[in-house]
Amino acid sequence: MHYFLFLSLIFNLSLASAASHDKPKAQKLEVVSLQLKWFHQFQFAGYYAAKEKGYYAEQGLDVNFIERSHEINVVDQVISGVAQYGIEDSGLNASKLSVTY
């Protein structure tokens, strides 16, 4: 009986030790903004789930989502620095092609 308790204790301690090594180190997260191409809705579920599950934080990012409004142009938001990243459709290609260098 004592042998079983001893093995159980060793097993639990090894699990606790392994779990403590899996925890990410506390780090200061870089705050970034993602300009959405539309209002908050299901098409962006992957982005929301990634934030909720901590995937962005694991990479050192604190991501804020900016909902689209009719006054906002996604490309302008990113170019001006209001958002560091943006989601846009094929209209982005047309915008890029119309720029002269």
Protein backbone atom coordinates (compact mmCIF):
# COMPACT_ATOMS: atom_id res chain seq x y z
CA MET A 1 0.00 0.00 0.00
CA HIS A 2 2.79 2.41 0.88
CA TYR A 3 4.52 1.58 -2.38
CA PHE A 4 1.37 2.54 -4.33
CA LEU A 5 1.07 5.86 -2.43
CA PHE A 6 4.74 6.57 -3.08
CA LEU A 7 4.37 5.91 -6.82
CA SER A 8 1.23 8.03 -6.93
CA LEU A 9 3.03 10.91 -5.21
CA ILE A 10 5.99 10.71 -7.61
CA PHE A 11 3.64 10.61 -10.60
CA ASN A 12 1.66 13.66 -9.42
CA LEU A 13 4.83 15.62 -8.69
CA SER A 14 6.20 14.87 -12.15
CA LEU A 15 2.93 16.03 -13.73
CA ALA A 16 2.98 19.25 -11.70
CA SER A 17 6.58 19.87 -12.68
CA ALA A 18 5.85 19.32 -16.38
CA ALA A 19 2.82 21.61 -16.24
CA SER A 20 4.84 24.42 -14.67
CA HIS A 21 7.38 24.24 -17.51
CA ASP A 22 4.62 24.56 -20.14
CA LYS A 23 3.40 27.92 -18.83
CA PRO A 24 4.61 30.85 -20.92
CA LYS A 25 6.91 33.34 -19.30
CA ALA A 26 5.33 36.65 -18.35
CA GLN A 27 6.24 39.12 -21.02
CA LYS A 28 5.14 42.54 -22.08
CA LEU A 29 2.83 42.15 -25.05
CA GLU A 30 3.08 44.38 -28.11
CA VAL A 31 -0.30 46.03 -28.68
CA VAL A 32 -1.37 45.88 -32.34
CA SER A 33 -4.62 46.68 -34.11
CA LEU A 34 -6.31 44.67 -36.84
CA GLN A 35 -8.71 46.66 -39.03
CA LEU A 36 -11.58 44.42 -40.05
CA LYS A 37 -13.11 44.81 -43.50
CA TRP A 38 -16.62 44.64 -42.09
CA PHE A 39 -18.61 44.65 -38.87
CA HIS A 40 -17.97 42.07 -36.13
CA GLN A 41 -19.43 38.84 -37.46
CA PHE A 42 -18.79 35.15 -37.98
CA GLN A 43 -16.36 35.54 -40.90
CA PHE A 44 -13.77 36.77 -38.39
CA ALA A 45 -14.35 33.91 -35.93
CA GLY A 46 -10.88 32.50 -36.49
CA TYR A 47 -9.28 35.76 -35.39
CA TYR A 48 -11.49 35.98 -32.29
CA ALA A 49 -10.84 32.34 -31.38
CA ALA A 50 -7.08 32.79 -31.77
CA LYS A 51 -7.18 35.71 -29.33
CA GLU A 52 -9.41 33.84 -26.89
CA LYS A 53 -7.15 30.76 -26.95
CA GLY A 54 -4.06 32.91 -26.37
CA TYR A 55 -2.32 32.20 -29.67
CA TYR A 56 -1.50 35.86 -30.27
CA ALA A 57 -0.25 36.27 -26.69
CA GLU A 58 2.06 33.27 -27.19
CA GLN A 59 3.66 35.26 -30.01
CA GLY A 60 3.93 38.39 -27.85
CA LEU A 61 0.93 40.22 -29.31
CA ASP A 62 -2.11 41.86 -27.74
CA VAL A 63 -4.44 42.19 -30.73
CA ASN A 64 -7.28 44.71 -30.80
CA PHE A 65 -9.94 44.44 -33.48
CA ILE A 66 -11.27 47.59 -35.14
CA GLU A 67 -14.74 47.19 -36.57
CA ARG A 68 -15.40 48.70 -39.98
CA SER A 69 -17.58 51.75 -40.32
CA HIS A 70 -18.74 53.43 -43.49
CA GLU A 71 -16.33 56.32 -42.88
CA ILE A 72 -13.28 54.07 -42.63
CA ASN A 73 -11.12 52.87 -45.51
CA VAL A 74 -9.12 49.80 -44.49
CA VAL A 75 -6.10 50.70 -46.63
CA ASP A 76 -6.01 54.26 -45.26
CA GLN A 77 -6.23 52.93 -41.69
CA VAL A 78 -3.11 50.82 -42.19
CA ILE A 79 -1.15 53.37 -44.19
CA SER A 80 -1.86 56.10 -41.62
CA GLY A 81 -0.79 53.83 -38.75
CA VAL A 82 -4.16 53.72 -36.98
CA ALA A 83 -4.08 49.95 -37.52
CA GLN A 84 -0.93 47.89 -37.99
CA TYR A 85 -2.80 45.21 -39.95
CA GLY A 86 -5.91 45.13 -42.08
CA ILE A 87 -8.20 42.64 -43.76
CA GLU A 88 -9.34 43.63 -47.24
CA ASP A 89 -10.65 41.93 -50.35
CA SER A 90 -9.51 42.11 -53.96
CA GLY A 91 -10.13 45.87 -53.96
CA LEU A 92 -6.77 46.12 -52.26
CA ASN A 93 -5.10 44.93 -55.45
CA ALA A 94 -6.87 47.61 -57.48
CA SER A 95 -5.77 50.19 -54.93
CA LYS A 96 -2.17 48.98 -55.15
CA LEU A 97 -2.18 48.99 -58.97
CA SER A 98 -3.46 52.57 -59.11
CA VAL A 99 -0.51 53.88 -57.06
CA THR A 100 2.21 55.49 -59.15
CA TYR A 101 5.83 55.31 -58.11
